[in-house]
Amino acid sequence: MFLSEDDCAYMAGKTLIAGLSGGADSMALCHFLAVHRAVYGWELRAAHLNHCLRGEES
């Protein structure tokens, strides 16, 4: 994911909704956005929906 300074400035004061699966890559994305929200003034929401389609081992 690459965000330019213009992208970040455009999103200032806006709400970002990040869809998360709960995996390592989703948690890294959420952490990245959480760290940068204070810098750029984003409002951050995380969305996760468990469809209960995967087995216990997942």
PDB file of N, CA and C in Angstrom:
ATOM      1  N   MET A   1       0.848  -1.161   0.000  1.00  0.00           N
ATOM      2  CA  MET A   1       0.000   0.000   0.000  1.00  0.00           C
ATOM      3  C   MET A   1       0.899   1.231   0.000  1.00  0.00           C
ATOM      4  N   PHE A   2       0.690   2.080  -0.946  1.00  0.00           N
ATOM      5  CA  PHE A   2       1.474   3.300  -1.038  1.00  0.00           C
ATOM      6  C   PHE A   2       0.535   4.495  -0.983  1.00  0.00           C
ATOM      7  N   LEU A   3       0.791   5.370  -0.052  1.00  0.00           N
ATOM      8  CA  LEU A   3       0.009   6.596   0.082  1.00  0.00           C
ATOM      9  C   LEU A   3       0.933   7.777  -0.121  1.00  0.00           C
ATOM     10  N   SER A   4       0.570   8.640  -1.025  1.00  0.00           N
ATOM     11  CA  SER A   4       1.350   9.861  -1.229  1.00  0.00           C
ATOM     12  C   SER A   4       0.955  10.885  -0.171  1.00  0.00           C
ATOM     13  N   GLU A   5       1.755  11.908  -0.034  1.00  0.00           N
ATOM     14  CA  GLU A   5       1.419  12.989   0.895  1.00  0.00           C
ATOM     15  C   GLU A   5       0.097  13.642   0.501  1.00  0.00           C
ATOM     16  N   ASP A   6      -0.174  13.742  -0.812  1.00  0.00           N
ATOM     17  CA  ASP A   6      -1.442  14.305  -1.278  1.00  0.00           C
ATOM     18  C   ASP A   6      -2.616  13.432  -0.851  1.00  0.00           C
ATOM     19  N   ASP A   7      -2.435  12.094  -0.954  1.00  0.00           N
ATOM     20  CA  ASP A   7      -3.498  11.176  -0.517  1.00  0.00           C
ATOM     21  C   ASP A   7      -3.788  11.365   0.965  1.00  0.00           C
ATOM     22  N   CYS A   8      -2.730  11.438   1.748  1.00  0.00           N
ATOM     23  CA  CYS A   8      -2.882  11.574   3.197  1.00  0.00           C
ATOM     24  C   CYS A   8      -3.536  12.908   3.556  1.00  0.00           C
ATOM     25  N   ALA A   9      -3.141  13.961   2.871  1.00  0.00           N
ATOM     26  CA  ALA A   9      -3.733  15.279   3.129  1.00  0.00           C
ATOM     27  C   ALA A   9      -5.207  15.284   2.744  1.00  0.00           C
ATOM     28  N   TYR A  10      -5.560  14.634   1.643  1.00  0.00           N
ATOM     29  CA  TYR A  10      -6.951  14.558   1.197  1.00  0.00           C
ATOM     30  C   TYR A  10      -7.818  13.848   2.241  1.00  0.00           C
ATOM     31  N   MET A  11      -7.270  12.840   2.898  1.00  0.00           N
ATOM     32  CA  MET A  11      -8.038  12.043   3.847  1.00  0.00           C
ATOM     33  C   MET A  11      -8.109  12.664   5.237  1.00  0.00           C
ATOM     34  N   ALA A  12      -7.435  13.771   5.463  1.00  0.00           N
ATOM     35  CA  ALA A  12      -7.465  14.421   6.777  1.00  0.00           C
ATOM     36  C   ALA A  12      -8.897  14.739   7.180  1.00  0.00           C
ATOM     37  N   GLY A  13      -9.266  14.342   8.386  1.00  0.00           N
ATOM     38  CA  GLY A  13     -10.602  14.597   8.895  1.00  0.00           C
ATOM     39  C   GLY A  13     -11.652  13.610   8.419  1.00  0.00           C
ATOM     40  N   LYS A  14     -11.262  12.675   7.563  1.00  0.00           N
ATOM     41  CA  LYS A  14     -12.197  11.672   7.052  1.00  0.00           C
ATOM     42  C   LYS A  14     -12.082  10.387   7.865  1.00  0.00           C
ATOM     43  N   THR A  15     -13.087   9.545   7.758  1.00  0.00           N
ATOM     44  CA  THR A  15     -13.091   8.265   8.450  1.00  0.00           C
ATOM     45  C   THR A  15     -12.662   7.163   7.495  1.00  0.00           C
ATOM     46  N   LEU A  16     -11.684   6.373   7.925  1.00  0.00           N
ATOM     47  CA  LEU A  16     -11.243   5.205   7.175  1.00  0.00           C
ATOM     48  C   LEU A  16     -11.834   3.974   7.833  1.00  0.00           C
ATOM     49  N   ILE A  17     -12.366   3.080   7.031  1.00  0.00           N
ATOM     50  CA  ILE A  17     -12.871   1.807   7.534  1.00  0.00           C
ATOM     51  C   ILE A  17     -11.995   0.716   6.936  1.00  0.00           C
ATOM     52  N   ALA A  18     -11.272   0.007   7.790  1.00  0.00           N
ATOM     53  CA  ALA A  18     -10.384  -1.064   7.347  1.00  0.00           C
ATOM     54  C   ALA A  18     -11.057  -2.401   7.597  1.00  0.00           C
ATOM     55  N   GLY A  19     -11.207  -3.196   6.537  1.00  0.00           N
ATOM     56  CA  GLY A  19     -11.751  -4.541   6.663  1.00  0.00           C
ATOM     57  C   GLY A  19     -10.646  -5.488   7.081  1.00  0.00           C
ATOM     58  N   LEU A  20     -10.846  -6.200   8.177  1.00  0.00           N
ATOM     59  CA  LEU A  20      -9.817  -7.059   8.741  1.00  0.00           C
ATOM     60  C   LEU A  20     -10.267  -8.509   8.788  1.00  0.00           C
ATOM     61  N   SER A  21      -9.319  -9.413   8.485  1.00  0.00           N
ATOM     62  CA  SER A  21      -9.608 -10.834   8.574  1.00  0.00           C
ATOM     63  C   SER A  21      -9.147 -11.415   9.905  1.00  0.00           C
ATOM     64  N   GLY A  22      -8.272 -10.701  10.584  1.00  0.00           N
ATOM     65  CA  GLY A  22      -7.705 -11.206  11.828  1.00  0.00           C
ATOM     66  C   GLY A  22      -6.336 -11.826  11.634  1.00  0.00           C
ATOM     67  N   GLY A  23      -5.900 -11.968  10.392  1.00  0.00           N
ATOM     68  CA  GLY A  23      -4.583 -12.516  10.101  1.00  0.00           C
ATOM     69  C   GLY A  23      -3.489 -11.496  10.341  1.00  0.00           C
ATOM     70  N   ALA A  24      -2.259 -11.961  10.200  1.00  0.00           N
ATOM     71  CA  ALA A  24      -1.099 -11.102  10.466  1.00  0.00           C
ATOM     72  C   ALA A  24      -1.064  -9.886   9.544  1.00  0.00           C
ATOM     73  N   ASP A  25      -1.402 -10.066   8.268  1.00  0.00           N
ATOM     74  CA  ASP A  25      -1.358  -8.931   7.336  1.00  0.00           C
ATOM     75  C   ASP A  25      -2.417  -7.897   7.676  1.00  0.00           C
ATOM     76  N   SER A  26      -3.591  -8.338   8.096  1.00  0.00           N
ATOM     77  CA  SER A  26      -4.640  -7.402   8.507  1.00  0.00           C
ATOM     78  C   SER A  26      -4.256  -6.639   9.762  1.00  0.00           C
ATOM     79  N   MET A  27      -3.626  -7.340  10.695  1.00  0.00           N
ATOM     80  CA  MET A  27      -3.200  -6.675  11.927  1.00  0.00           C
ATOM     81  C   MET A  27      -2.087  -5.668  11.636  1.00  0.00           C
ATOM     82  N   ALA A  28      -1.203  -5.994  10.690  1.00  0.00           N
ATOM     83  CA  ALA A  28      -0.146  -5.049  10.308  1.00  0.00           C
ATOM     84  C   ALA A  28      -0.756  -3.806   9.663  1.00  0.00           C
ATOM     85  N   LEU A  29      -1.741  -4.001   8.788  1.00  0.00           N
ATOM     86  CA  LEU A  29      -2.428  -2.869   8.164  1.00  0.00           C
ATOM     87  C   LEU A  29      -3.111  -2.004   9.221  1.00  0.00           C
ATOM     88  N   CYS A  30      -3.799  -2.634  10.141  1.00  0.00           N
ATOM     89  CA  CYS A  30      -4.495  -1.896  11.195  1.00  0.00           C
ATOM     90  C   CYS A  30      -3.498  -1.106  12.049  1.00  0.00           C
ATOM     91  N   HIS A  31      -2.381  -1.705  12.377  1.00  0.00           N
ATOM     92  CA  HIS A  31      -1.355  -1.019  13.155  1.00  0.00           C
ATOM     93  C   HIS A  31      -0.803   0.176  12.376  1.00  0.00           C
ATOM     94  N   PHE A  32      -0.505  -0.021  11.102  1.00  0.00           N
ATOM     95  CA  PHE A  32      -0.003   1.064  10.254  1.00  0.00           C
ATOM     96  C   PHE A  32      -0.984   2.240  10.241  1.00  0.00           C
ATOM     97  N   LEU A  33      -2.251   1.941  10.020  1.00  0.00           N
ATOM     98  CA  LEU A  33      -3.261   2.996   9.964  1.00  0.00           C
ATOM     99  C   LEU A  33      -3.442   3.676  11.317  1.00  0.00           C
ATOM    100  N   ALA A  34      -3.388   2.889  12.392  1.00  0.00           N
ATOM    101  CA  ALA A  34      -3.544   3.464  13.730  1.00  0.00           C
ATOM    102  C   ALA A  34      -2.392   4.404  14.066  1.00  0.00           C
ATOM    103  N   VAL A  35      -1.180   4.020  13.700  1.00  0.00           N
ATOM    104  CA  VAL A  35      -0.018   4.874  13.966  1.00  0.00           C
ATOM    105  C   VAL A  35      -0.115   6.169  13.168  1.00  0.00           C
ATOM    106  N   HIS A  36      -0.530   6.060  11.913  1.00  0.00           N
ATOM    107  CA  HIS A  36      -0.545   7.234  11.043  1.00  0.00           C
ATOM    108  C   HIS A  36      -1.800   8.096  11.177  1.00  0.00           C
ATOM    109  N   ARG A  37      -2.825   7.604  11.837  1.00  0.00           N
ATOM    110  CA  ARG A  37      -4.042   8.411  11.977  1.00  0.00           C
ATOM    111  C   ARG A  37      -3.798   9.655  12.795  1.00  0.00           C
ATOM    112  N   ALA A  38      -2.959   9.550  13.806  1.00  0.00           N
ATOM    113  CA  ALA A  38      -2.654  10.727  14.623  1.00  0.00           C
ATOM    114  C   ALA A  38      -1.864  11.764  13.828  1.00  0.00           C
ATOM    115  N   VAL A  39      -0.997  11.298  12.965  1.00  0.00           N
ATOM    116  CA  VAL A  39      -0.168  12.197  12.165  1.00  0.00           C
ATOM    117  C   VAL A  39      -1.008  12.940  11.138  1.00  0.00           C
ATOM    118  N   TYR A  40      -1.945  12.222  10.499  1.00  0.00           N
ATOM    119  CA  TYR A  40      -2.694  12.802   9.380  1.00  0.00           C
ATOM    120  C   TYR A  40      -4.129  13.198   9.728  1.00  0.00           C
ATOM    121  N   GLY A  41      -4.572  12.920  10.946  1.00  0.00           N
ATOM    122  CA  GLY A  41      -5.898  13.344  11.364  1.00  0.00           C
ATOM    123  C   GLY A  41      -7.030  12.494  10.826  1.00  0.00           C
ATOM    124  N   TRP A  42      -6.765  11.208  10.605  1.00  0.00           N
ATOM    125  CA  TRP A  42      -7.820  10.297  10.140  1.00  0.00           C
ATOM    126  C   TRP A  42      -8.612   9.799  11.336  1.00  0.00           C
ATOM    127  N   GLU A  43      -9.858   9.488  11.112  1.00  0.00           N
ATOM    128  CA  GLU A  43     -10.667   8.732  12.062  1.00  0.00           C
ATOM    129  C   GLU A  43     -10.600   7.289  11.558  1.00  0.00           C
ATOM    130  N   LEU A  44     -10.351   6.339  12.421  1.00  0.00           N
ATOM    131  CA  LEU A  44     -10.153   4.947  11.998  1.00  0.00           C
ATOM    132  C   LEU A  44     -11.183   4.039  12.631  1.00  0.00           C
ATOM    133  N   ARG A  45     -11.768   3.195  11.812  1.00  0.00           N
ATOM    134  CA  ARG A  45     -12.686   2.144  12.266  1.00  0.00           C
ATOM    135  C   ARG A  45     -12.211   0.828  11.672  1.00  0.00           C
ATOM    136  N   ALA A  46     -12.261  -0.221  12.461  1.00  0.00           N
ATOM    137  CA  ALA A  46     -11.904  -1.557  11.993  1.00  0.00           C
ATOM    138  C   ALA A  46     -13.177  -2.388  11.898  1.00  0.00           C
ATOM    139  N   ALA A  47     -13.317  -3.103  10.790  1.00  0.00           N
ATOM    140  CA  ALA A  47     -14.510  -3.929  10.583  1.00  0.00           C
ATOM    141  C   ALA A  47     -14.095  -5.388  10.399  1.00  0.00           C
ATOM    142  N   HIS A  48     -14.730  -6.268  11.152  1.00  0.00           N
ATOM    143  CA  HIS A  48     -14.470  -7.703  11.041  1.00  0.00           C
ATOM    144  C   HIS A  48     -15.798  -8.427  11.099  1.00  0.00           C
ATOM    145  N   LEU A  49     -15.988  -9.349  10.189  1.00  0.00           N
ATOM    146  CA  LEU A  49     -17.204 -10.151  10.166  1.00  0.00           C
ATOM    147  C   LEU A  49     -16.807 -11.617  10.147  1.00  0.00           C
ATOM    148  N   ASN A  50     -17.209 -12.358  11.158  1.00  0.00           N
ATOM    149  CA  ASN A  50     -16.909 -13.778  11.222  1.00  0.00           C
ATOM    150  C   ASN A  50     -18.080 -14.540  10.602  1.00  0.00           C
ATOM    151  N   HIS A  51     -17.848 -15.131   9.432  1.00  0.00           N
ATOM    152  CA  HIS A  51     -18.881 -15.894   8.736  1.00  0.00           C
ATOM    153  C   HIS A  51     -19.032 -17.302   9.297  1.00  0.00           C
ATOM    154  N   CYS A  52     -18.106 -17.709  10.181  1.00  0.00           N
ATOM    155  CA  CYS A  52     -18.105 -19.054  10.777  1.00  0.00           C
ATOM    156  C   CYS A  52     -18.032 -20.140   9.701  1.00  0.00           C
ATOM    157  N   LEU A  53     -17.289 -19.891   8.636  1.00  0.00           N
ATOM    158  CA  LEU A  53     -17.148 -20.863   7.544  1.00  0.00           C
ATOM    159  C   LEU A  53     -15.866 -21.678   7.660  1.00  0.00           C
ATOM    160  N   ARG A  54     -14.924 -21.237   8.463  1.00  0.00           N
ATOM    161  CA  ARG A  54     -13.650 -21.931   8.583  1.00  0.00           C
ATOM    162  C   ARG A  54     -13.648 -22.796   9.831  1.00  0.00           C
ATOM    163  N   GLY A  55     -12.853 -23.837   9.780  1.00  0.00           N
ATOM    164  CA  GLY A  55     -12.768 -24.769  10.899  1.00  0.00           C
ATOM    165  C   GLY A  55     -12.024 -24.193  12.077  1.00  0.00           C
ATOM    166  N   GLU A  56     -11.989 -24.950  13.158  1.00  0.00           N
ATOM    167  CA  GLU A  56     -11.331 -24.521  14.385  1.00  0.00           C
ATOM    168  C   GLU A  56      -9.835 -24.296  14.201  1.00  0.00           C
ATOM    169  N   GLU A  57      -9.219 -25.028  13.276  1.00  0.00           N
ATOM    170  CA  GLU A  57      -7.770 -24.927  13.097  1.00  0.00           C
ATOM    171  C   GLU A  57      -7.341 -23.633  12.436  1.00  0.00           C
ATOM    172  N   SER A  58      -8.265 -22.894  11.849  1.00  0.00           N
ATOM    173  CA  SER A  58      -7.892 -21.658  11.149  1.00  0.00           C
ATOM    174  C   SER A  58      -7.857 -20.467  12.084  1.00  0.00           C
TER     175      SER A  58
END
